[in-house]
Structure formats: C-alpha cells, structure tokens
Amino acid sequence: MNSLLENRKSLHKQVVDSQMQFEALDTQLRELQPLANLGMAWAMTAHELNNLLTPIVSYAQLALQNPDDAELSKKALEKAERLSTQAGKMLEKVMLLANSEKTQTKVCNLTALLDDVFGCIGRDFSKDKIKLVMAVDKELCITADAGSIRQVLMNLLLNARHAMRKKGGTLSIRAFEEAEFTRIEVSDTGCGVDPDKLHHIFTPFYTDGKKNGNGLGLAFCQKVIESHGGCISVDSQLGCGMHFKILLPKE
C-alpha cells in the first residue's frame, strides 16, 4: 500500500514537473515569436523586392539604351521611379504584416490595380503565347490596402506566366461581388500541381523541389489576404493549371 502511494506521489510530481516545463517552453516560444515573425518578414521582403527590381532594372536599361529618344527615356524613368516608390512602401507593409497589425484599408478600383500590375510586369503576356481573358467590371471597387493587394495580384500573375512559359495557354481573371464579399479568381492552364501537395502550397519556403523561387510568394499572398479579414484558396490538377480564389470583405 505504501509502495502504491509513493508511486502515485512520484507520478504526480512528474506530471507537475512536466507541466511546469511545458509552460516554461511555451513562454520561451512566445518570447521568440517576434523574432520568427521578423525573420519571415525579411524573407518575404527579399522575395517581393525581387519582383519589383526586375522591371526597375529593365526600364532603367531601356532609358540608357535610347539616349536620343527623350520621350521614351522619360516614360521609362518615370515607371522606374514609380516602382522604386512602390518598393519602399512595400517594405513598410511587410513589416506591418510581421507585427500582425490591422491593415489600413481604403476604397480602390480593382481594374486600376490590375492595370498597375501589368504595367509593373512590363513584358506583354502575348509574347509568351498567353491569351489574357478578363471579366472584371471597370467600376468594381474593393476595400483594401492597394499596395498589398497589388503585390498579391503580381505574385499570382507572375506564377501563372511562369507555369505557361513553355507551351503558352490562357490566363483568366474574374471578379464579382457576392453577398458580403468580393470574389477575385485567377486561373491558368499551365502545368498545375498534384492535389496531394496542394495543402503545402501556402506553407512558407515550400518549393516542391523546384529550383526557381523560394516558396514565399504564396505565403505572402495568404498573409496579406488574411490581414484583410479574407481568405485565399486554390484548386489544381496536375497538367490542368491552377485556379486561385480570393474572398475579400466588402467593408
């Protein structure tokens, strides 16, 4: 009997000790979380800056290569300057995301945002044998942080173009209002993803073994959309392209 009592006391002590160790570890993890968020923020920043620096360099080179064409050089440098300003603002946005602060939103026109994105990308999709299909009302507006949503759209469009770079295909962009949300859909007819791997697609640093990319673009997209109180999802079949769906609250 005494032996059983001693065993119970010993077991109780082990449980209490384990609980205290768990609580101490949980406290340490909570203290380290800001550093983890900061590291993720800088990784995302590097990814997004690369998306912006590519066209900045291209426009600067265009101006340098055409010194006698004042009008062309002026337009190229103006676009490079606009993208540089956007890059600076993007740095601020990513750091805000890392701190999980509420996103500051305003009403903005979705077609205007898409026009900005295509202007930033620079290269015409038709040159890659990609047909663009748009179904977006020119008057459709969303309540969002324009800079952050612009980056989300740029990520999705660049990914779609990369998926169709070899054989071409169709890029479809649709947007319409639902009861309490605005739905934005971006679809391509590229290589697609194995459905068994789809649950990893928004995981930071997940690249599916591919050499290009660092697995942060879609993680950034998800973080941005969730910071707006919305959600992003994807459907895909290997060889049948990708279909992204974004839901953003109307207010």
C-alpha atoms as a PDB file:
ATOM      1  CA  MET A   1       0.000   0.000   0.000  1.00  0.00           C
ATOM      2  CA  ASN A   2       2.784   2.394   0.952  1.00  0.00           C
ATOM      3  CA  SER A   3       4.589   1.481  -2.245  1.00  0.00           C
ATOM      4  CA  LEU A   4       1.496   2.312  -4.320  1.00  0.00           C
ATOM      5  CA  LEU A   5       1.095   5.631  -2.519  1.00  0.00           C
ATOM      6  CA  GLU A   6       4.717   6.503  -3.143  1.00  0.00           C
ATOM      7  CA  ASN A   7       4.328   5.646  -6.830  1.00  0.00           C
ATOM      8  CA  ARG A   8       1.277   7.895  -7.058  1.00  0.00           C
ATOM      9  CA  LYS A   9       3.145  10.743  -5.399  1.00  0.00           C
ATOM     10  CA  SER A  10       6.096  10.222  -7.732  1.00  0.00           C
ATOM     11  CA  LEU A  11       3.823  10.138 -10.775  1.00  0.00           C
ATOM     12  CA  HIS A  12       2.010  13.273  -9.616  1.00  0.00           C
ATOM     13  CA  LYS A  13       5.341  15.054  -9.173  1.00  0.00           C
ATOM     14  CA  GLN A  14       6.415  14.013 -12.672  1.00  0.00           C
ATOM     15  CA  VAL A  15       3.158  15.342 -14.112  1.00  0.00           C
ATOM     16  CA  VAL A  16       3.545  18.646 -12.261  1.00  0.00           C
ATOM     17  CA  ASP A  17       7.187  18.938 -13.338  1.00  0.00           C
ATOM     18  CA  SER A  18       6.262  18.166 -16.951  1.00  0.00           C
ATOM     19  CA  GLN A  19       3.509  20.772 -16.881  1.00  0.00           C
ATOM     20  CA  MET A  20       5.908  23.381 -15.488  1.00  0.00           C
ATOM     21  CA  GLN A  21       8.462  22.528 -18.192  1.00  0.00           C
ATOM     22  CA  PHE A  22       5.767  22.811 -20.854  1.00  0.00           C
ATOM     23  CA  GLU A  23       4.656  26.209 -19.537  1.00  0.00           C
ATOM     24  CA  ALA A  24       8.271  27.412 -19.440  1.00  0.00           C
ATOM     25  CA  LEU A  25       8.827  26.230 -23.017  1.00  0.00           C
ATOM     26  CA  ASP A  26       5.594  27.871 -24.131  1.00  0.00           C
ATOM     27  CA  THR A  27       6.745  31.153 -22.577  1.00  0.00           C
ATOM     28  CA  GLN A  28      10.101  30.903 -24.363  1.00  0.00           C
ATOM     29  CA  LEU A  29       8.391  30.222 -27.700  1.00  0.00           C
ATOM     30  CA  ARG A  30       6.094  33.207 -27.233  1.00  0.00           C
ATOM     31  CA  GLU A  31       9.113  35.399 -26.498  1.00  0.00           C
ATOM     32  CA  LEU A  32      10.852  34.131 -29.653  1.00  0.00           C
ATOM     33  CA  GLN A  33       7.788  34.608 -31.878  1.00  0.00           C
ATOM     34  CA  PRO A  34       8.543  38.265 -32.690  1.00  0.00           C
ATOM     35  CA  LEU A  35      11.991  37.204 -33.929  1.00  0.00           C
ATOM     36  CA  ALA A  36      10.446  34.450 -36.047  1.00  0.00           C
ATOM     37  CA  ASN A  37       7.985  36.948 -37.498  1.00  0.00           C
ATOM     38  CA  LEU A  38      10.821  39.354 -38.217  1.00  0.00           C
ATOM     39  CA  GLY A  39      12.846  36.674 -39.998  1.00  0.00           C
ATOM     40  CA  MET A  40       9.835  35.694 -42.079  1.00  0.00           C
ATOM     41  CA  ALA A  41       9.162  39.339 -42.875  1.00  0.00           C
ATOM     42  CA  TRP A  42      12.654  39.896 -44.230  1.00  0.00           C
ATOM     43  CA  ALA A  43      12.496  36.708 -46.270  1.00  0.00           C
ATOM     44  CA  MET A  44       9.195  37.834 -47.772  1.00  0.00           C
ATOM     45  CA  THR A  45      10.640  41.297 -48.348  1.00  0.00           C
ATOM     46  CA  ALA A  46      13.527  39.868 -50.368  1.00  0.00           C
ATOM     47  CA  HIS A  47      11.068  37.876 -52.494  1.00  0.00           C
ATOM     48  CA  GLU A  48       8.790  40.836 -53.195  1.00  0.00           C
ATOM     49  CA  LEU A  49      11.685  43.221 -53.843  1.00  0.00           C
ATOM     50  CA  ASN A  50      12.993  40.842 -56.481  1.00  0.00           C
ATOM     51  CA  ASN A  51       9.618  41.019 -58.246  1.00  0.00           C
ATOM     52  CA  LEU A  52       9.885  44.814 -58.325  1.00  0.00           C
ATOM     53  CA  LEU A  53      13.602  45.194 -59.034  1.00  0.00           C
ATOM     54  CA  THR A  54      13.434  43.199 -62.270  1.00  0.00           C
ATOM     55  CA  PRO A  55      11.211  45.726 -64.104  1.00  0.00           C
ATOM     56  CA  ILE A  56      13.038  48.664 -62.466  1.00  0.00           C
ATOM     57  CA  VAL A  57      16.321  47.467 -63.979  1.00  0.00           C
ATOM     58  CA  SER A  58      14.614  46.794 -67.327  1.00  0.00           C
ATOM     59  CA  TYR A  59      13.174  50.314 -67.531  1.00  0.00           C
ATOM     60  CA  ALA A  60      16.495  51.861 -66.495  1.00  0.00           C
ATOM     61  CA  GLN A  61      18.308  49.864 -69.188  1.00  0.00           C
ATOM     62  CA  LEU A  62      15.701  50.928 -71.751  1.00  0.00           C
ATOM     63  CA  ALA A  63      16.391  54.576 -70.939  1.00  0.00           C
ATOM     64  CA  LEU A  64      20.167  54.081 -71.130  1.00  0.00           C
ATOM     65  CA  GLN A  65      19.931  52.269 -74.453  1.00  0.00           C
ATOM     66  CA  ASN A  66      17.886  55.063 -76.034  1.00  0.00           C
ATOM     67  CA  PRO A  67      19.602  58.336 -75.024  1.00  0.00           C
ATOM     68  CA  ASP A  68      18.425  60.103 -78.201  1.00  0.00           C
ATOM     69  CA  ASP A  69      14.759  59.276 -77.637  1.00  0.00           C
ATOM     70  CA  ALA A  70      13.847  61.765 -74.932  1.00  0.00           C
ATOM     71  CA  GLU A  71      10.172  60.777 -74.757  1.00  0.00           C
ATOM     72  CA  LEU A  72      10.888  57.040 -74.440  1.00  0.00           C
ATOM     73  CA  SER A  73      13.612  57.621 -71.834  1.00  0.00           C
ATOM     74  CA  LYS A  74      11.324  59.919 -69.833  1.00  0.00           C
ATOM     75  CA  LYS A  75       8.497  57.357 -69.731  1.00  0.00           C
ATOM     76  CA  ALA A  76      10.877  54.529 -68.820  1.00  0.00           C
ATOM     77  CA  LEU A  77      12.459  56.511 -65.985  1.00  0.00           C
ATOM     78  CA  GLU A  78       9.051  57.610 -64.692  1.00  0.00           C
ATOM     79  CA  LYS A  79       7.966  53.962 -64.490  1.00  0.00           C
ATOM     80  CA  ALA A  80      11.229  53.011 -62.771  1.00  0.00           C
ATOM     81  CA  GLU A  81      10.724  55.813 -60.252  1.00  0.00           C
ATOM     82  CA  ARG A  82       7.127  54.735 -59.586  1.00  0.00           C
ATOM     83  CA  LEU A  83       8.236  51.152 -58.992  1.00  0.00           C
ATOM     84  CA  SER A  84      11.022  52.325 -56.667  1.00  0.00           C
ATOM     85  CA  THR A  85       8.484  54.234 -54.592  1.00  0.00           C
ATOM     86  CA  GLN A  86       6.258  51.173 -54.545  1.00  0.00           C
ATOM     87  CA  ALA A  87       9.189  49.069 -53.312  1.00  0.00           C
ATOM     88  CA  GLY A  88       9.721  51.433 -50.395  1.00  0.00           C
ATOM     89  CA  LYS A  89       6.063  51.281 -49.426  1.00  0.00           C
ATOM     90  CA  MET A  90       6.087  47.510 -49.772  1.00  0.00           C
ATOM     91  CA  LEU A  91       8.879  47.283 -47.190  1.00  0.00           C
ATOM     92  CA  GLU A  92       6.642  49.062 -44.712  1.00  0.00           C
ATOM     93  CA  LYS A  93       3.701  46.784 -45.496  1.00  0.00           C
ATOM     94  CA  VAL A  94       5.653  43.560 -44.981  1.00  0.00           C
ATOM     95  CA  MET A  95       6.922  44.758 -41.616  1.00  0.00           C
ATOM     96  CA  LEU A  96       3.366  45.601 -40.587  1.00  0.00           C
ATOM     97  CA  LEU A  97       2.324  42.081 -41.559  1.00  0.00           C
ATOM     98  CA  ALA A  98       5.105  40.660 -39.399  1.00  0.00           C
ATOM     99  CA  ASN A  99       3.763  42.584 -36.432  1.00  0.00           C
ATOM    100  CA  SER A 100       0.231  41.297 -37.143  1.00  0.00           C
ATOM    101  CA  GLU A 101      -1.126  44.834 -37.060  1.00  0.00           C
ATOM    102  CA  LYS A 102      -4.514  45.550 -38.618  1.00  0.00           C
ATOM    103  CA  THR A 103      -4.215  46.561 -42.244  1.00  0.00           C
ATOM    104  CA  GLN A 104      -5.191  50.130 -43.124  1.00  0.00           C
ATOM    105  CA  THR A 105      -7.700  50.000 -45.967  1.00  0.00           C
ATOM    106  CA  LYS A 106      -9.491  52.348 -48.338  1.00  0.00           C
ATOM    107  CA  VAL A 107     -11.775  52.003 -51.354  1.00  0.00           C
ATOM    108  CA  CYS A 108      -9.795  51.333 -54.540  1.00  0.00           C
ATOM    109  CA  ASN A 109     -10.678  50.382 -58.104  1.00  0.00           C
ATOM    110  CA  LEU A 110      -9.723  46.796 -58.956  1.00  0.00           C
ATOM    111  CA  THR A 111      -9.229  47.428 -62.683  1.00  0.00           C
ATOM    112  CA  ALA A 112      -6.813  50.260 -61.872  1.00  0.00           C
ATOM    113  CA  LEU A 113      -4.848  47.909 -59.608  1.00  0.00           C
ATOM    114  CA  LEU A 114      -4.655  45.299 -62.364  1.00  0.00           C
ATOM    115  CA  ASP A 115      -3.502  47.940 -64.861  1.00  0.00           C
ATOM    116  CA  ASP A 116      -0.726  48.885 -62.431  1.00  0.00           C
ATOM    117  CA  VAL A 117       0.302  45.249 -62.081  1.00  0.00           C
ATOM    118  CA  PHE A 118       0.507  44.667 -65.827  1.00  0.00           C
ATOM    119  CA  GLY A 119       2.481  47.907 -66.132  1.00  0.00           C
ATOM    120  CA  CYS A 120       4.934  46.708 -63.482  1.00  0.00           C
ATOM    121  CA  ILE A 121       5.350  43.295 -65.095  1.00  0.00           C
ATOM    122  CA  GLY A 122       6.299  45.038 -68.323  1.00  0.00           C
ATOM    123  CA  ARG A 123       6.526  42.129 -70.746  1.00  0.00           C
ATOM    124  CA  ASP A 124       3.369  41.544 -72.770  1.00  0.00           C
ATOM    125  CA  PHE A 125       1.822  38.148 -71.979  1.00  0.00           C
ATOM    126  CA  SER A 126       1.057  37.609 -75.671  1.00  0.00           C
ATOM    127  CA  LYS A 127       4.803  37.401 -76.332  1.00  0.00           C
ATOM    128  CA  ASP A 128       4.777  34.218 -74.257  1.00  0.00           C
ATOM    129  CA  LYS A 129       1.795  32.884 -76.253  1.00  0.00           C
ATOM    130  CA  ILE A 130      -0.501  33.507 -73.303  1.00  0.00           C
ATOM    131  CA  LYS A 131      -4.062  34.622 -74.013  1.00  0.00           C
ATOM    132  CA  LEU A 132      -5.485  37.008 -71.427  1.00  0.00           C
ATOM    133  CA  VAL A 133      -9.189  36.757 -70.573  1.00  0.00           C
ATOM    134  CA  MET A 134     -10.549  39.477 -68.279  1.00  0.00           C
ATOM    135  CA  ALA A 135     -14.016  39.569 -66.742  1.00  0.00           C
ATOM    136  CA  VAL A 136     -13.804  42.476 -64.308  1.00  0.00           C
ATOM    137  CA  ASP A 137     -16.313  45.318 -64.165  1.00  0.00           C
ATOM    138  CA  LYS A 138     -14.413  48.579 -64.650  1.00  0.00           C
ATOM    139  CA  GLU A 139     -16.428  50.127 -61.824  1.00  0.00           C
ATOM    140  CA  LEU A 140     -15.783  47.302 -59.341  1.00  0.00           C
ATOM    141  CA  CYS A 141     -14.063  48.561 -56.200  1.00  0.00           C
ATOM    142  CA  ILE A 142     -12.646  46.776 -53.167  1.00  0.00           C
ATOM    143  CA  THR A 143     -11.905  47.967 -49.653  1.00  0.00           C
ATOM    144  CA  ALA A 144      -8.245  47.111 -49.204  1.00  0.00           C
ATOM    145  CA  ASP A 145      -4.670  48.268 -48.886  1.00  0.00           C
ATOM    146  CA  ALA A 146      -3.904  48.940 -52.547  1.00  0.00           C
ATOM    147  CA  GLY A 147      -0.157  48.284 -52.320  1.00  0.00           C
ATOM    148  CA  SER A 148      -0.522  44.920 -50.607  1.00  0.00           C
ATOM    149  CA  ILE A 149      -3.269  43.660 -52.930  1.00  0.00           C
ATOM    150  CA  ARG A 150      -1.222  44.836 -55.910  1.00  0.00           C
ATOM    151  CA  GLN A 151       1.628  42.609 -54.716  1.00  0.00           C
ATOM    152  CA  VAL A 152      -0.734  39.663 -54.286  1.00  0.00           C
ATOM    153  CA  LEU A 153      -2.008  40.042 -57.845  1.00  0.00           C
ATOM    154  CA  MET A 154       1.529  40.418 -59.163  1.00  0.00           C
ATOM    155  CA  ASN A 155       2.578  37.181 -57.454  1.00  0.00           C
ATOM    156  CA  LEU A 156      -0.355  35.255 -58.897  1.00  0.00           C
ATOM    157  CA  LEU A 157       0.130  36.625 -62.425  1.00  0.00           C
ATOM    158  CA  LEU A 158       3.890  36.008 -62.420  1.00  0.00           C
ATOM    159  CA  ASN A 159       3.340  32.458 -61.176  1.00  0.00           C
ATOM    160  CA  ALA A 160       0.758  31.870 -63.907  1.00  0.00           C
ATOM    161  CA  ARG A 161       3.064  33.186 -66.613  1.00  0.00           C
ATOM    162  CA  HIS A 162       5.904  31.015 -65.348  1.00  0.00           C
ATOM    163  CA  ALA A 163       3.638  27.932 -65.369  1.00  0.00           C
ATOM    164  CA  MET A 164       2.739  28.569 -69.033  1.00  0.00           C
ATOM    165  CA  ARG A 165       6.130  29.824 -70.240  1.00  0.00           C
ATOM    166  CA  LYS A 166       6.915  26.744 -72.355  1.00  0.00           C
ATOM    167  CA  LYS A 167       3.662  25.981 -74.147  1.00  0.00           C
ATOM    168  CA  GLY A 168       1.603  29.128 -73.669  1.00  0.00           C
ATOM    169  CA  GLY A 169      -2.014  28.951 -72.558  1.00  0.00           C
ATOM    170  CA  THR A 170      -4.823  31.063 -71.147  1.00  0.00           C
ATOM    171  CA  LEU A 171      -4.753  33.362 -68.123  1.00  0.00           C
ATOM    172  CA  SER A 172      -8.211  34.224 -66.800  1.00  0.00           C
ATOM    173  CA  ILE A 173      -9.016  36.942 -64.279  1.00  0.00           C
ATOM    174  CA  ARG A 174     -12.571  37.255 -62.965  1.00  0.00           C
ATOM    175  CA  ALA A 175     -14.007  39.402 -60.204  1.00  0.00           C
ATOM    176  CA  PHE A 176     -17.536  39.933 -58.954  1.00  0.00           C
ATOM    177  CA  GLU A 177     -19.459  40.807 -55.826  1.00  0.00           C
ATOM    178  CA  GLU A 178     -21.170  38.275 -53.591  1.00  0.00           C
ATOM    179  CA  ALA A 179     -23.339  38.817 -50.512  1.00  0.00           C
ATOM    180  CA  GLU A 180     -20.677  40.110 -48.126  1.00  0.00           C
ATOM    181  CA  PHE A 181     -17.525  39.560 -50.155  1.00  0.00           C
ATOM    182  CA  THR A 182     -15.799  40.481 -53.380  1.00  0.00           C
ATOM    183  CA  ARG A 183     -14.524  37.363 -55.140  1.00  0.00           C
ATOM    184  CA  ILE A 184     -11.381  37.511 -57.288  1.00  0.00           C
ATOM    185  CA  GLU A 185     -10.379  34.468 -59.341  1.00  0.00           C
ATOM    186  CA  VAL A 186      -7.088  33.949 -61.173  1.00  0.00           C
ATOM    187  CA  SER A 187      -6.770  30.818 -63.333  1.00  0.00           C
ATOM    188  CA  ASP A 188      -4.156  29.476 -65.728  1.00  0.00           C
ATOM    189  CA  THR A 189      -3.826  26.452 -67.998  1.00  0.00           C
ATOM    190  CA  GLY A 190      -0.251  25.660 -67.001  1.00  0.00           C
ATOM    191  CA  CYS A 191       1.372  22.579 -65.507  1.00  0.00           C
ATOM    192  CA  GLY A 192      -0.730  22.538 -62.331  1.00  0.00           C
ATOM    193  CA  VAL A 193       0.072  20.828 -59.028  1.00  0.00           C
ATOM    194  CA  ASP A 194      -0.555  17.334 -57.702  1.00  0.00           C
ATOM    195  CA  PRO A 195      -3.693  17.592 -55.483  1.00  0.00           C
ATOM    196  CA  ASP A 196      -1.847  15.653 -52.755  1.00  0.00           C
ATOM    197  CA  LYS A 197       0.609  18.559 -52.487  1.00  0.00           C
ATOM    198  CA  LEU A 198      -1.910  21.393 -52.527  1.00  0.00           C
ATOM    199  CA  HIS A 199      -2.139  21.581 -48.738  1.00  0.00           C
ATOM    200  CA  HIS A 200       1.540  22.659 -48.692  1.00  0.00           C
ATOM    201  CA  ILE A 201       1.205  25.400 -51.278  1.00  0.00           C
ATOM    202  CA  PHE A 202       0.818  28.296 -48.817  1.00  0.00           C
ATOM    203  CA  THR A 203       3.485  26.949 -46.446  1.00  0.00           C
ATOM    204  CA  PRO A 204       6.478  29.321 -46.215  1.00  0.00           C
ATOM    205  CA  PHE A 205       9.587  28.056 -48.052  1.00  0.00           C
ATOM    206  CA  TYR A 206       7.733  25.139 -49.684  1.00  0.00           C
ATOM    207  CA  THR A 207       9.017  24.810 -53.270  1.00  0.00           C
ATOM    208  CA  ASP A 208       8.090  21.223 -54.234  1.00  0.00           C
ATOM    209  CA  GLY A 209      11.758  20.666 -55.089  1.00  0.00           C
ATOM    210  CA  LYS A 210      11.722  23.296 -57.836  1.00  0.00           C
ATOM    211  CA  LYS A 211      14.885  25.315 -58.363  1.00  0.00           C
ATOM    212  CA  ASN A 212      13.121  28.568 -59.200  1.00  0.00           C
ATOM    213  CA  GLY A 213      11.513  30.549 -56.396  1.00  0.00           C
ATOM    214  CA  ASN A 214      11.902  30.360 -52.637  1.00  0.00           C
ATOM    215  CA  GLY A 215       8.402  29.328 -51.608  1.00  0.00           C
ATOM    216  CA  LEU A 216       7.430  32.680 -50.117  1.00  0.00           C
ATOM    217  CA  GLY A 217       5.225  34.313 -52.746  1.00  0.00           C
ATOM    218  CA  LEU A 218       2.037  32.425 -51.918  1.00  0.00           C
ATOM    219  CA  ALA A 219       2.757  32.540 -48.176  1.00  0.00           C
ATOM    220  CA  PHE A 220       2.919  36.324 -48.553  1.00  0.00           C
ATOM    221  CA  CYS A 221      -0.364  36.303 -50.504  1.00  0.00           C
ATOM    222  CA  GLN A 222      -2.123  34.336 -47.783  1.00  0.00           C
ATOM    223  CA  LYS A 223      -0.781  36.612 -45.052  1.00  0.00           C
ATOM    224  CA  VAL A 224      -1.974  39.721 -46.899  1.00  0.00           C
ATOM    225  CA  ILE A 225      -5.450  38.375 -47.629  1.00  0.00           C
ATOM    226  CA  GLU A 226      -5.926  37.149 -44.059  1.00  0.00           C
ATOM    227  CA  SER A 227      -4.790  40.538 -42.722  1.00  0.00           C
ATOM    228  CA  HIS A 228      -7.753  41.968 -44.667  1.00  0.00           C
ATOM    229  CA  GLY A 229     -10.126  39.518 -42.980  1.00  0.00           C
ATOM    230  CA  GLY A 230     -10.423  37.479 -46.171  1.00  0.00           C
ATOM    231  CA  CYS A 231      -9.264  34.095 -47.401  1.00  0.00           C
ATOM    232  CA  ILE A 232      -7.452  32.601 -50.387  1.00  0.00           C
ATOM    233  CA  SER A 233      -7.761  29.041 -51.687  1.00  0.00           C
ATOM    234  CA  VAL A 234      -6.594  27.047 -54.694  1.00  0.00           C
ATOM    235  CA  ASP A 235      -7.766  24.137 -56.833  1.00  0.00           C
ATOM    236  CA  SER A 236      -5.495  22.264 -59.209  1.00  0.00           C
ATOM    237  CA  GLN A 237      -4.904  19.058 -61.105  1.00  0.00           C
ATOM    238  CA  LEU A 238      -1.522  18.016 -62.461  1.00  0.00           C
ATOM    239  CA  GLY A 239      -1.358  19.171 -66.068  1.00  0.00           C
ATOM    240  CA  CYS A 240      -4.590  21.176 -65.806  1.00  0.00           C
ATOM    241  CA  GLY A 241      -3.462  24.504 -64.373  1.00  0.00           C
ATOM    242  CA  MET A 242      -4.241  26.403 -61.179  1.00  0.00           C
ATOM    243  CA  HIS A 243      -7.376  28.190 -60.009  1.00  0.00           C
ATOM    244  CA  PHE A 244      -6.940  30.693 -57.163  1.00  0.00           C
ATOM    245  CA  LYS A 245      -9.959  32.162 -55.363  1.00  0.00           C
ATOM    246  CA  ILE A 246      -9.772  35.219 -53.137  1.00  0.00           C
ATOM    247  CA  LEU A 247     -12.594  36.457 -50.931  1.00  0.00           C
ATOM    248  CA  LEU A 248     -12.307  39.984 -49.540  1.00  0.00           C
ATOM    249  CA  PRO A 249     -14.877  41.521 -47.169  1.00  0.00           C
ATOM    250  CA  LYS A 250     -16.747  44.415 -48.747  1.00  0.00           C
ATOM    251  CA  GLU A 251     -16.084  46.577 -45.692  1.00  0.00           C
END
